[in-house]
mmCIF file of all heavy atoms, coordinates in Angstrom:
data_MODEL
# 
_entry.id   MODEL 
# 
loop_
_atom_site.group_PDB 
_atom_site.id 
_atom_site.type_symbol 
_atom_site.label_atom_id 
_atom_site.label_alt_id 
_atom_site.label_comp_id 
_atom_site.label_asym_id 
_atom_site.label_entity_id 
_atom_site.label_seq_id 
_atom_site.pdbx_PDB_ins_code 
_atom_site.Cartn_x 
_atom_site.Cartn_y 
_atom_site.Cartn_z 
_atom_site.occupancy 
_atom_site.B_iso_or_equiv 
_atom_site.pdbx_formal_charge 
_atom_site.auth_seq_id 
_atom_site.auth_comp_id 
_atom_site.auth_asym_id 
_atom_site.auth_atom_id 
_atom_site.pdbx_PDB_model_num 
ATOM 1   N N   . ARG A 1 1  ? -1.619 -82.374 -58.217 1.00 0.00 ? 1  ARG A N   1 
ATOM 2   C CA  . ARG A 1 1  ? -1.124 -82.648 -56.892 1.00 0.00 ? 1  ARG A CA  1 
ATOM 3   C C   . ARG A 1 1  ? 0.469  -82.602 -56.781 1.00 0.00 ? 1  ARG A C   1 
ATOM 4   O O   . ARG A 1 1  ? 0.960  -82.120 -55.965 1.00 0.00 ? 1  ARG A O   1 
ATOM 5   C CB  . ARG A 1 1  ? -1.601 -84.087 -56.418 1.00 0.00 ? 1  ARG A CB  1 
ATOM 6   C CG  . ARG A 1 1  ? -1.287 -84.407 -54.924 1.00 0.00 ? 1  ARG A CG  1 
ATOM 7   C CD  . ARG A 1 1  ? -2.038 -85.819 -54.490 1.00 0.00 ? 1  ARG A CD  1 
ATOM 8   N NE  . ARG A 1 1  ? -3.377 -85.904 -54.951 1.00 0.00 ? 1  ARG A NE  1 
ATOM 9   C CZ  . ARG A 1 1  ? -3.735 -87.014 -55.914 1.00 0.00 ? 1  ARG A CZ  1 
ATOM 10  N NH1 . ARG A 1 1  ? -2.861 -87.628 -56.519 1.00 0.00 ? 1  ARG A NH1 1 
ATOM 11  N NH2 . ARG A 1 1  ? -5.006 -87.023 -56.231 1.00 0.00 ? 1  ARG A NH2 1 
ATOM 12  N N   . GLN A 1 2  ? 0.912  -83.184 -57.890 1.00 0.00 ? 2  GLN A N   1 
ATOM 13  C CA  . GLN A 1 2  ? 2.446  -83.121 -57.891 1.00 0.00 ? 2  GLN A CA  1 
ATOM 14  C C   . GLN A 1 2  ? 2.956  -81.803 -58.127 1.00 0.00 ? 2  GLN A C   1 
ATOM 15  O O   . GLN A 1 2  ? 3.935  -81.325 -57.445 1.00 0.00 ? 2  GLN A O   1 
ATOM 16  C CB  . GLN A 1 2  ? 3.014  -83.987 -59.089 1.00 0.00 ? 2  GLN A CB  1 
ATOM 17  C CG  . GLN A 1 2  ? 2.762  -85.525 -58.971 1.00 0.00 ? 2  GLN A CG  1 
ATOM 18  C CD  . GLN A 1 2  ? 3.092  -86.178 -60.184 1.00 0.00 ? 2  GLN A CD  1 
ATOM 19  O OE1 . GLN A 1 2  ? 3.112  -85.693 -61.228 1.00 0.00 ? 2  GLN A OE1 1 
ATOM 20  N NE2 . GLN A 1 2  ? 3.157  -87.547 -60.033 1.00 0.00 ? 2  GLN A NE2 1 
ATOM 21  N N   . HIS A 1 3  ? 2.298  -80.967 -58.963 1.00 0.00 ? 3  HIS A N   1 
ATOM 22  C CA  . HIS A 1 3  ? 2.720  -79.532 -59.016 1.00 0.00 ? 3  HIS A CA  1 
ATOM 23  C C   . HIS A 1 3  ? 2.598  -78.765 -57.732 1.00 0.00 ? 3  HIS A C   1 
ATOM 24  O O   . HIS A 1 3  ? 3.374  -77.950 -57.305 1.00 0.00 ? 3  HIS A O   1 
ATOM 25  C CB  . HIS A 1 3  ? 1.897  -78.818 -60.014 1.00 0.00 ? 3  HIS A CB  1 
ATOM 26  C CG  . HIS A 1 3  ? 2.392  -79.140 -61.559 1.00 0.00 ? 3  HIS A CG  1 
ATOM 27  N ND1 . HIS A 1 3  ? 3.427  -78.693 -62.136 1.00 0.00 ? 3  HIS A ND1 1 
ATOM 28  C CD2 . HIS A 1 3  ? 1.855  -80.073 -62.462 1.00 0.00 ? 3  HIS A CD2 1 
ATOM 29  C CE1 . HIS A 1 3  ? 3.654  -79.016 -63.268 1.00 0.00 ? 3  HIS A CE1 1 
ATOM 30  N NE2 . HIS A 1 3  ? 2.647  -79.959 -63.462 1.00 0.00 ? 3  HIS A NE2 1 
ATOM 31  N N   . ARG A 1 4  ? 1.462  -78.948 -57.023 1.00 0.00 ? 4  ARG A N   1 
ATOM 32  C CA  . ARG A 1 4  ? 1.208  -78.382 -55.686 1.00 0.00 ? 4  ARG A CA  1 
ATOM 33  C C   . ARG A 1 4  ? 2.304  -78.795 -54.673 1.00 0.00 ? 4  ARG A C   1 
ATOM 34  O O   . ARG A 1 4  ? 2.881  -77.867 -53.892 1.00 0.00 ? 4  ARG A O   1 
ATOM 35  C CB  . ARG A 1 4  ? -0.120 -78.684 -55.096 1.00 0.00 ? 4  ARG A CB  1 
ATOM 36  C CG  . ARG A 1 4  ? -1.161 -77.895 -55.759 1.00 0.00 ? 4  ARG A CG  1 
ATOM 37  C CD  . ARG A 1 4  ? -2.572 -78.214 -55.112 1.00 0.00 ? 4  ARG A CD  1 
ATOM 38  N NE  . ARG A 1 4  ? -3.613 -77.682 -55.868 1.00 0.00 ? 4  ARG A NE  1 
ATOM 39  C CZ  . ARG A 1 4  ? -4.369 -78.416 -56.633 1.00 0.00 ? 4  ARG A CZ  1 
ATOM 40  N NH1 . ARG A 1 4  ? -4.205 -79.754 -56.740 1.00 0.00 ? 4  ARG A NH1 1 
ATOM 41  N NH2 . ARG A 1 4  ? -5.323 -77.944 -57.406 1.00 0.00 ? 4  ARG A NH2 1 
ATOM 42  N N   . GLU A 1 5  ? 2.740  -80.053 -54.707 1.00 0.00 ? 5  GLU A N   1 
ATOM 43  C CA  . GLU A 1 5  ? 3.721  -80.610 -53.867 1.00 0.00 ? 5  GLU A CA  1 
ATOM 44  C C   . GLU A 1 5  ? 5.084  -79.851 -54.134 1.00 0.00 ? 5  GLU A C   1 
ATOM 45  O O   . GLU A 1 5  ? 5.786  -79.454 -53.230 1.00 0.00 ? 5  GLU A O   1 
ATOM 46  C CB  . GLU A 1 5  ? 3.869  -81.996 -53.704 1.00 0.00 ? 5  GLU A CB  1 
ATOM 47  C CG  . GLU A 1 5  ? 2.824  -82.740 -53.185 1.00 0.00 ? 5  GLU A CG  1 
ATOM 48  C CD  . GLU A 1 5  ? 2.849  -84.279 -53.371 1.00 0.00 ? 5  GLU A CD  1 
ATOM 49  O OE1 . GLU A 1 5  ? 3.751  -84.753 -53.933 1.00 0.00 ? 5  GLU A OE1 1 
ATOM 50  O OE2 . GLU A 1 5  ? 1.868  -84.897 -52.885 1.00 0.00 ? 5  GLU A OE2 1 
ATOM 51  N N   . GLU A 1 6  ? 5.400  -79.708 -55.489 1.00 0.00 ? 6  GLU A N   1 
ATOM 52  C CA  . GLU A 1 6  ? 6.587  -79.116 -55.949 1.00 0.00 ? 6  GLU A CA  1 
ATOM 53  C C   . GLU A 1 6  ? 6.651  -77.544 -55.511 1.00 0.00 ? 6  GLU A C   1 
ATOM 54  O O   . GLU A 1 6  ? 7.671  -77.163 -54.890 1.00 0.00 ? 6  GLU A O   1 
ATOM 55  C CB  . GLU A 1 6  ? 6.826  -79.292 -57.384 1.00 0.00 ? 6  GLU A CB  1 
ATOM 56  C CG  . GLU A 1 6  ? 7.876  -78.575 -57.905 1.00 0.00 ? 6  GLU A CG  1 
ATOM 57  C CD  . GLU A 1 6  ? 9.332  -79.326 -57.598 1.00 0.00 ? 6  GLU A CD  1 
ATOM 58  O OE1 . GLU A 1 6  ? 9.220  -80.421 -57.188 1.00 0.00 ? 6  GLU A OE1 1 
ATOM 59  O OE2 . GLU A 1 6  ? 10.349 -78.600 -57.750 1.00 0.00 ? 6  GLU A OE2 1 
ATOM 60  N N   . ALA A 1 7  ? 5.374  -76.965 -55.623 1.00 0.00 ? 7  ALA A N   1 
ATOM 61  C CA  . ALA A 1 7  ? 5.287  -75.557 -55.310 1.00 0.00 ? 7  ALA A CA  1 
ATOM 62  C C   . ALA A 1 7  ? 5.539  -75.318 -53.808 1.00 0.00 ? 7  ALA A C   1 
ATOM 63  O O   . ALA A 1 7  ? 6.241  -74.492 -53.310 1.00 0.00 ? 7  ALA A O   1 
ATOM 64  C CB  . ALA A 1 7  ? 4.038  -75.005 -55.714 1.00 0.00 ? 7  ALA A CB  1 
ATOM 65  N N   . ASP A 1 8  ? 5.081  -76.181 -53.074 1.00 0.00 ? 8  ASP A N   1 
ATOM 66  C CA  . ASP A 1 8  ? 5.118  -76.173 -51.471 1.00 0.00 ? 8  ASP A CA  1 
ATOM 67  C C   . ASP A 1 8  ? 6.595  -76.418 -51.138 1.00 0.00 ? 8  ASP A C   1 
ATOM 68  O O   . ASP A 1 8  ? 7.132  -75.607 -50.301 1.00 0.00 ? 8  ASP A O   1 
ATOM 69  C CB  . ASP A 1 8  ? 4.196  -77.217 -50.800 1.00 0.00 ? 8  ASP A CB  1 
ATOM 70  C CG  . ASP A 1 8  ? 2.791  -76.869 -50.821 1.00 0.00 ? 8  ASP A CG  1 
ATOM 71  O OD1 . ASP A 1 8  ? 2.476  -75.686 -51.112 1.00 0.00 ? 8  ASP A OD1 1 
ATOM 72  O OD2 . ASP A 1 8  ? 1.987  -77.706 -50.577 1.00 0.00 ? 8  ASP A OD2 1 
ATOM 73  N N   . SER A 1 9  ? 7.196  -77.312 -51.748 1.00 0.00 ? 9  SER A N   1 
ATOM 74  C CA  . SER A 1 9  ? 8.629  -77.700 -51.445 1.00 0.00 ? 9  SER A CA  1 
ATOM 75  C C   . SER A 1 9  ? 9.493  -76.470 -51.776 1.00 0.00 ? 9  SER A C   1 
ATOM 76  O O   . SER A 1 9  ? 10.392 -76.070 -51.093 1.00 0.00 ? 9  SER A O   1 
ATOM 77  C CB  . SER A 1 9  ? 9.042  -78.834 -52.316 1.00 0.00 ? 9  SER A CB  1 
ATOM 78  O OG  . SER A 1 9  ? 10.428 -79.142 -52.064 1.00 0.00 ? 9  SER A OG  1 
ATOM 79  N N   . ARG A 1 10 ? 9.268  -75.875 -52.914 1.00 0.00 ? 10 ARG A N   1 
ATOM 80  C CA  . ARG A 1 10 ? 10.066 -74.692 -53.415 1.00 0.00 ? 10 ARG A CA  1 
ATOM 81  C C   . ARG A 1 10 ? 9.823  -73.417 -52.552 1.00 0.00 ? 10 ARG A C   1 
ATOM 82  O O   . ARG A 1 10 ? 10.652 -72.772 -52.175 1.00 0.00 ? 10 ARG A O   1 
ATOM 83  C CB  . ARG A 1 10 ? 9.754  -74.362 -54.876 1.00 0.00 ? 10 ARG A CB  1 
ATOM 84  C CG  . ARG A 1 10 ? 10.430 -75.322 -55.806 1.00 0.00 ? 10 ARG A CG  1 
ATOM 85  C CD  . ARG A 1 10 ? 10.165 -74.913 -57.242 1.00 0.00 ? 10 ARG A CD  1 
ATOM 86  N NE  . ARG A 1 10 ? 10.678 -75.951 -58.190 1.00 0.00 ? 10 ARG A NE  1 
ATOM 87  C CZ  . ARG A 1 10 ? 11.744 -75.884 -58.744 1.00 0.00 ? 10 ARG A CZ  1 
ATOM 88  N NH1 . ARG A 1 10 ? 12.561 -74.894 -58.571 1.00 0.00 ? 10 ARG A NH1 1 
ATOM 89  N NH2 . ARG A 1 10 ? 12.204 -76.836 -59.575 1.00 0.00 ? 10 ARG A NH2 1 
ATOM 90  N N   . ARG A 1 11 ? 8.538  -73.282 -52.094 1.00 0.00 ? 11 ARG A N   1 
ATOM 91  C CA  . ARG A 1 11 ? 8.201  -72.180 -51.244 1.00 0.00 ? 11 ARG A CA  1 
ATOM 92  C C   . ARG A 1 11 ? 8.769  -72.310 -49.878 1.00 0.00 ? 11 ARG A C   1 
ATOM 93  O O   . ARG A 1 11 ? 9.484  -71.318 -49.355 1.00 0.00 ? 11 ARG A O   1 
ATOM 94  C CB  . ARG A 1 11 ? 6.638  -72.134 -50.957 1.00 0.00 ? 11 ARG A CB  1 
ATOM 95  C CG  . ARG A 1 11 ? 6.199  -71.041 -50.013 1.00 0.00 ? 11 ARG A CG  1 
ATOM 96  C CD  . ARG A 1 11 ? 4.568  -70.982 -49.822 1.00 0.00 ? 11 ARG A CD  1 
ATOM 97  N NE  . ARG A 1 11 ? 4.257  -72.394 -49.372 1.00 0.00 ? 11 ARG A NE  1 
ATOM 98  C CZ  . ARG A 1 11 ? 4.327  -72.732 -48.103 1.00 0.00 ? 11 ARG A CZ  1 
ATOM 99  N NH1 . ARG A 1 11 ? 4.887  -72.070 -47.253 1.00 0.00 ? 11 ARG A NH1 1 
ATOM 100 N NH2 . ARG A 1 11 ? 3.849  -73.975 -47.818 1.00 0.00 ? 11 ARG A NH2 1 
ATOM 101 N N   . LEU A 1 12 ? 8.965  -73.568 -49.370 1.00 0.00 ? 12 LEU A N   1 
ATOM 102 C CA  . LEU A 1 12 ? 9.561  -73.805 -47.976 1.00 0.00 ? 12 LEU A CA  1 
ATOM 103 C C   . LEU A 1 12 ? 11.034 -73.581 -48.162 1.00 0.00 ? 12 LEU A C   1 
ATOM 104 O O   . LEU A 1 12 ? 11.656 -72.910 -47.291 1.00 0.00 ? 12 LEU A O   1 
ATOM 105 C CB  . LEU A 1 12 ? 9.200  -75.131 -47.495 1.00 0.00 ? 12 LEU A CB  1 
ATOM 106 C CG  . LEU A 1 12 ? 7.859  -75.500 -47.022 1.00 0.00 ? 12 LEU A CG  1 
ATOM 107 C CD1 . LEU A 1 12 ? 7.609  -76.898 -46.672 1.00 0.00 ? 12 LEU A CD1 1 
ATOM 108 C CD2 . LEU A 1 12 ? 7.478  -74.585 -45.850 1.00 0.00 ? 12 LEU A CD2 1 
ATOM 109 N N   . ASP A 1 13 ? 11.567 -73.990 -49.289 1.00 0.00 ? 13 ASP A N   1 
ATOM 110 C CA  . ASP A 1 13 ? 13.037 -73.833 -49.561 1.00 0.00 ? 13 ASP A CA  1 
ATOM 111 C C   . ASP A 1 13 ? 13.336 -72.259 -49.642 1.00 0.00 ? 13 ASP A C   1 
ATOM 112 O O   . ASP A 1 13 ? 14.337 -71.860 -49.030 1.00 0.00 ? 13 ASP A O   1 
ATOM 113 C CB  . ASP A 1 13 ? 13.571 -74.596 -50.764 1.00 0.00 ? 13 ASP A CB  1 
ATOM 114 C CG  . ASP A 1 13 ? 14.933 -74.612 -50.915 1.00 0.00 ? 13 ASP A CG  1 
ATOM 115 O OD1 . ASP A 1 13 ? 15.679 -74.733 -49.962 1.00 0.00 ? 13 ASP A OD1 1 
ATOM 116 O OD2 . ASP A 1 13 ? 15.420 -74.306 -52.117 1.00 0.00 ? 13 ASP A OD2 1 
ATOM 117 N N   . ALA A 1 14 ? 12.532 -71.661 -50.281 1.00 0.00 ? 14 ALA A N   1 
ATOM 118 C CA  . ALA A 1 14 ? 12.766 -70.158 -50.510 1.00 0.00 ? 14 ALA A CA  1 
ATOM 119 C C   . ALA A 1 14 ? 12.607 -69.420 -49.083 1.00 0.00 ? 14 ALA A C   1 
ATOM 120 O O   . ALA A 1 14 ? 13.387 -68.528 -48.752 1.00 0.00 ? 14 ALA A O   1 
ATOM 121 C CB  . ALA A 1 14 ? 11.705 -69.517 -51.467 1.00 0.00 ? 14 ALA A CB  1 
ATOM 122 N N   . GLU A 1 15 ? 11.646 -69.908 -48.327 1.00 0.00 ? 15 GLU A N   1 
ATOM 123 C CA  . GLU A 1 15 ? 11.596 -69.197 -46.977 1.00 0.00 ? 15 GLU A CA  1 
ATOM 124 C C   . GLU A 1 15 ? 12.629 -69.437 -46.150 1.00 0.00 ? 15 GLU A C   1 
ATOM 125 O O   . GLU A 1 15 ? 13.141 -68.557 -45.323 1.00 0.00 ? 15 GLU A O   1 
ATOM 126 C CB  . GLU A 1 15 ? 10.298 -69.679 -46.310 1.00 0.00 ? 15 GLU A CB  1 
ATOM 127 C CG  . GLU A 1 15 ? 8.792  -69.155 -46.981 1.00 0.00 ? 15 GLU A CG  1 
ATOM 128 C CD  . GLU A 1 15 ? 7.671  -69.826 -46.282 1.00 0.00 ? 15 GLU A CD  1 
ATOM 129 O OE1 . GLU A 1 15 ? 7.705  -70.542 -45.316 1.00 0.00 ? 15 GLU A OE1 1 
ATOM 130 O OE2 . GLU A 1 15 ? 6.677  -69.427 -46.856 1.00 0.00 ? 15 GLU A OE2 1 
ATOM 131 N N   . MET A 1 16 ? 13.251 -70.773 -46.224 1.00 0.00 ? 16 MET A N   1 
ATOM 132 C CA  . MET A 1 16 ? 14.437 -70.976 -45.374 1.00 0.00 ? 16 MET A CA  1 
ATOM 133 C C   . MET A 1 16 ? 15.606 -70.239 -45.886 1.00 0.00 ? 16 MET A C   1 
ATOM 134 O O   . MET A 1 16 ? 16.334 -69.636 -44.969 1.00 0.00 ? 16 MET A O   1 
ATOM 135 C CB  . MET A 1 16 ? 14.712 -72.575 -45.510 1.00 0.00 ? 16 MET A CB  1 
ATOM 136 C CG  . MET A 1 16 ? 13.707 -73.401 -44.751 1.00 0.00 ? 16 MET A CG  1 
ATOM 137 S SD  . MET A 1 16 ? 13.929 -75.149 -44.923 1.00 0.00 ? 16 MET A SD  1 
ATOM 138 C CE  . MET A 1 16 ? 15.639 -75.524 -44.997 1.00 0.00 ? 16 MET A CE  1 
ATOM 139 N N   . LYS A 1 17 ? 15.729 -70.064 -47.159 1.00 0.00 ? 17 LYS A N   1 
ATOM 140 C CA  . LYS A 1 17 ? 16.866 -69.309 -47.597 1.00 0.00 ? 17 LYS A CA  1 
ATOM 141 C C   . LYS A 1 17 ? 16.659 -67.803 -47.280 1.00 0.00 ? 17 LYS A C   1 
ATOM 142 O O   . LYS A 1 17 ? 17.660 -67.208 -46.910 1.00 0.00 ? 17 LYS A O   1 
ATOM 143 C CB  . LYS A 1 17 ? 16.968 -69.415 -49.236 1.00 0.00 ? 17 LYS A CB  1 
ATOM 144 C CG  . LYS A 1 17 ? 17.545 -70.797 -49.529 1.00 0.00 ? 17 LYS A CG  1 
ATOM 145 C CD  . LYS A 1 17 ? 17.600 -70.882 -51.030 1.00 0.00 ? 17 LYS A CD  1 
ATOM 146 C CE  . LYS A 1 17 ? 18.145 -72.294 -51.460 1.00 0.00 ? 17 LYS A CE  1 
ATOM 147 N NZ  . LYS A 1 17 ? 18.177 -72.448 -52.982 1.00 0.00 ? 17 LYS A NZ  1 
ATOM 148 N N   . LYS A 1 18 ? 15.567 -67.303 -47.324 1.00 0.00 ? 18 LYS A N   1 
ATOM 149 C CA  . LYS A 1 18 ? 15.207 -65.821 -46.959 1.00 0.00 ? 18 LYS A CA  1 
ATOM 150 C C   . LYS A 1 18 ? 15.508 -65.687 -45.460 1.00 0.00 ? 18 LYS A C   1 
ATOM 151 O O   . LYS A 1 18 ? 16.190 -64.726 -45.038 1.00 0.00 ? 18 LYS A O   1 
ATOM 152 C CB  . LYS A 1 18 ? 13.871 -65.439 -47.200 1.00 0.00 ? 18 LYS A CB  1 
ATOM 153 C CG  . LYS A 1 18 ? 13.587 -64.038 -46.985 1.00 0.00 ? 18 LYS A CG  1 
ATOM 154 C CD  . LYS A 1 18 ? 12.199 -63.573 -47.494 1.00 0.00 ? 18 LYS A CD  1 
ATOM 155 C CE  . LYS A 1 18 ? 11.864 -62.202 -47.299 1.00 0.00 ? 18 LYS A CE  1 
ATOM 156 N NZ  . LYS A 1 18 ? 12.673 -61.371 -46.301 1.00 0.00 ? 18 LYS A NZ  1 
ATOM 157 N N   . ALA A 1 19 ? 15.151 -66.629 -44.631 1.00 0.00 ? 19 ALA A N   1 
ATOM 158 C CA  . ALA A 1 19 ? 15.347 -66.466 -43.176 1.00 0.00 ? 19 ALA A CA  1 
ATOM 159 C C   . ALA A 1 19 ? 16.821 -66.517 -42.915 1.00 0.00 ? 19 ALA A C   1 
ATOM 160 O O   . ALA A 1 19 ? 17.335 -65.747 -42.087 1.00 0.00 ? 19 ALA A O   1 
ATOM 161 C CB  . ALA A 1 19 ? 14.697 -67.624 -42.441 1.00 0.00 ? 19 ALA A CB  1 
ATOM 162 N N   . SER A 1 20 ? 17.618 -67.468 -43.709 1.00 0.00 ? 20 SER A N   1 
ATOM 163 C CA  . SER A 1 20 ? 18.973 -67.414 -43.438 1.00 0.00 ? 20 SER A CA  1 
ATOM 164 C C   . SER A 1 20 ? 19.701 -66.115 -43.895 1.00 0.00 ? 20 SER A C   1 
ATOM 165 O O   . SER A 1 20 ? 20.558 -65.720 -43.195 1.00 0.00 ? 20 SER A O   1 
ATOM 166 C CB  . SER A 1 20 ? 19.524 -68.589 -44.304 1.00 0.00 ? 20 SER A CB  1 
ATOM 167 O OG  . SER A 1 20 ? 20.952 -68.761 -44.178 1.00 0.00 ? 20 SER A OG  1 
ATOM 168 N N   . ALA A 1 21 ? 19.150 -65.610 -45.029 1.00 0.00 ? 21 ALA A N   1 
ATOM 169 C CA  . ALA A 1 21 ? 19.805 -64.346 -45.496 1.00 0.00 ? 21 ALA A CA  1 
ATOM 170 C C   . ALA A 1 21 ? 19.492 -63.314 -44.563 1.00 0.00 ? 21 ALA A C   1 
ATOM 171 O O   . ALA A 1 21 ? 20.235 -62.335 -44.330 1.00 0.00 ? 21 ALA A O   1 
ATOM 172 C CB  . ALA A 1 21 ? 19.265 -64.085 -46.921 1.00 0.00 ? 21 ALA A CB  1 
ATOM 173 N N   . ASP A 1 22 ? 18.267 -63.195 -44.092 1.00 0.00 ? 22 ASP A N   1 
ATOM 174 C CA  . ASP A 1 22 ? 17.754 -62.223 -43.034 1.00 0.00 ? 22 ASP A CA  1 
ATOM 175 C C   . ASP A 1 22 ? 18.835 -62.260 -41.747 1.00 0.00 ? 22 ASP A C   1 
ATOM 176 O O   . ASP A 1 22 ? 19.156 -61.283 -41.305 1.00 0.00 ? 22 ASP A O   1 
ATOM 177 C CB  . ASP A 1 22 ? 16.444 -62.318 -42.592 1.00 0.00 ? 22 ASP A CB  1 
ATOM 178 C CG  . ASP A 1 22 ? 15.484 -61.978 -43.848 1.00 0.00 ? 22 ASP A CG  1 
ATOM 179 O OD1 . ASP A 1 22 ? 15.941 -61.302 -44.653 1.00 0.00 ? 22 ASP A OD1 1 
ATOM 180 O OD2 . ASP A 1 22 ? 14.294 -62.321 -43.537 1.00 0.00 ? 22 ASP A OD2 1 
ATOM 181 N N   . GLU A 1 23 ? 18.997 -63.515 -41.288 1.00 0.00 ? 23 GLU A N   1 
ATOM 182 C CA  . GLU A 1 23 ? 19.902 -63.717 -40.129 1.00 0.00 ? 23 GLU A CA  1 
ATOM 183 C C   . GLU A 1 23 ? 21.265 -63.146 -40.458 1.00 0.00 ? 23 GLU A C   1 
ATOM 184 O O   . GLU A 1 23 ? 22.003 -62.542 -39.670 1.00 0.00 ? 23 GLU A O   1 
ATOM 185 C CB  . GLU A 1 23 ? 19.888 -65.135 -39.872 1.00 0.00 ? 23 GLU A CB  1 
ATOM 186 C CG  . GLU A 1 23 ? 18.746 -65.665 -39.233 1.00 0.00 ? 23 GLU A CG  1 
ATOM 187 C CD  . GLU A 1 23 ? 18.674 -67.224 -38.880 1.00 0.00 ? 23 GLU A CD  1 
ATOM 188 O OE1 . GLU A 1 23 ? 19.832 -67.810 -39.185 1.00 0.00 ? 23 GLU A OE1 1 
ATOM 189 O OE2 . GLU A 1 23 ? 17.685 -67.901 -38.564 1.00 0.00 ? 23 GLU A OE2 1 
ATOM 190 N N   . ARG A 1 24 ? 21.860 -63.475 -41.738 1.00 0.00 ? 24 ARG A N   1 
ATOM 191 C CA  . ARG A 1 24 ? 23.173 -63.035 -42.028 1.00 0.00 ? 24 ARG A CA  1 
ATOM 192 C C   . ARG A 1 24 ? 23.227 -61.554 -42.179 1.00 0.00 ? 24 ARG A C   1 
ATOM 193 O O   . ARG A 1 24 ? 24.148 -60.833 -41.658 1.00 0.00 ? 24 ARG A O   1 
ATOM 194 C CB  . ARG A 1 24 ? 23.688 -63.651 -43.362 1.00 0.00 ? 24 ARG A CB  1 
ATOM 195 C CG  . ARG A 1 24 ? 23.957 -65.104 -43.201 1.00 0.00 ? 24 ARG A CG  1 
ATOM 196 C CD  . ARG A 1 24 ? 24.599 -65.605 -44.424 1.00 0.00 ? 24 ARG A CD  1 
ATOM 197 N NE  . ARG A 1 24 ? 24.110 -65.338 -45.736 1.00 0.00 ? 24 ARG A NE  1 
ATOM 198 C CZ  . ARG A 1 24 ? 23.233 -66.086 -46.357 1.00 0.00 ? 24 ARG A CZ  1 
ATOM 199 N NH1 . ARG A 1 24 ? 22.805 -67.239 -45.728 1.00 0.00 ? 24 ARG A NH1 1 
ATOM 200 N NH2 . ARG A 1 24 ? 22.733 -65.757 -47.496 1.00 0.00 ? 24 ARG A NH2 1 
ATOM 201 N N   . ALA A 1 25 ? 22.140 -60.992 -42.668 1.00 0.00 ? 25 ALA A N   1 
ATOM 202 C CA  . ALA A 1 25 ? 22.057 -59.517 -42.846 1.00 0.00 ? 25 ALA A CA  1 
ATOM 203 C C   . ALA A 1 25 ? 22.118 -58.910 -41.380 1.00 0.00 ? 25 ALA A C   1 
ATOM 204 O O   . ALA A 1 25 ? 22.693 -57.892 -41.133 1.00 0.00 ? 25 ALA A O   1 
ATOM 205 C CB  . ALA A 1 25 ? 20.870 -59.058 -43.671 1.00 0.00 ? 25 ALA A CB  1 
ATOM 206 N N   . ALA A 1 26 ? 21.224 -59.427 -40.493 1.00 0.00 ? 26 ALA A N   1 
ATOM 207 C CA  . ALA A 1 26 ? 21.098 -58.887 -39.095 1.00 0.00 ? 26 ALA A CA  1 
ATOM 208 C C   . ALA A 1 26 ? 22.427 -59.060 -38.436 1.00 0.00 ? 26 ALA A C   1 
ATOM 209 O O   . ALA A 1 26 ? 22.919 -58.141 -37.797 1.00 0.00 ? 26 ALA A O   1 
ATOM 210 C CB  . ALA A 1 26 ? 20.064 -59.688 -38.313 1.00 0.00 ? 26 ALA A CB  1 
ATOM 211 N N   . ARG A 1 27 ? 23.140 -60.151 -38.644 1.00 0.00 ? 27 ARG A N   1 
ATOM 212 C CA  . ARG A 1 27 ? 24.517 -60.286 -37.982 1.00 0.00 ? 27 ARG A CA  1 
ATOM 213 C C   . ARG A 1 27 ? 25.495 -59.382 -38.570 1.00 0.00 ? 27 ARG A C   1 
ATOM 214 O O   . ARG A 1 27 ? 26.324 -58.702 -37.786 1.00 0.00 ? 27 ARG A O   1 
ATOM 215 C CB  . ARG A 1 27 ? 25.026 -61.746 -38.262 1.00 0.00 ? 27 ARG A CB  1 
ATOM 216 C CG  . ARG A 1 27 ? 26.261 -62.113 -37.610 1.00 0.00 ? 27 ARG A CG  1 
ATOM 217 C CD  . ARG A 1 27 ? 26.687 -63.525 -37.824 1.00 0.00 ? 27 ARG A CD  1 
ATOM 218 N NE  . ARG A 1 27 ? 25.607 -64.629 -37.870 1.00 0.00 ? 27 ARG A NE  1 
ATOM 219 C CZ  . ARG A 1 27 ? 25.301 -65.310 -38.875 1.00 0.00 ? 27 ARG A CZ  1 
ATOM 220 N NH1 . ARG A 1 27 ? 26.051 -65.226 -40.027 1.00 0.00 ? 27 ARG A NH1 1 
ATOM 221 N NH2 . ARG A 1 27 ? 24.328 -66.197 -38.928 1.00 0.00 ? 27 ARG A NH2 1 
# 
């Protein structure tokens, strides 16, 4: 359960960073 929570947290963080990078690239 702890590993899944860590994986989810890291996945969400990665998605946020990717979205931010995509926005900067579009800009």
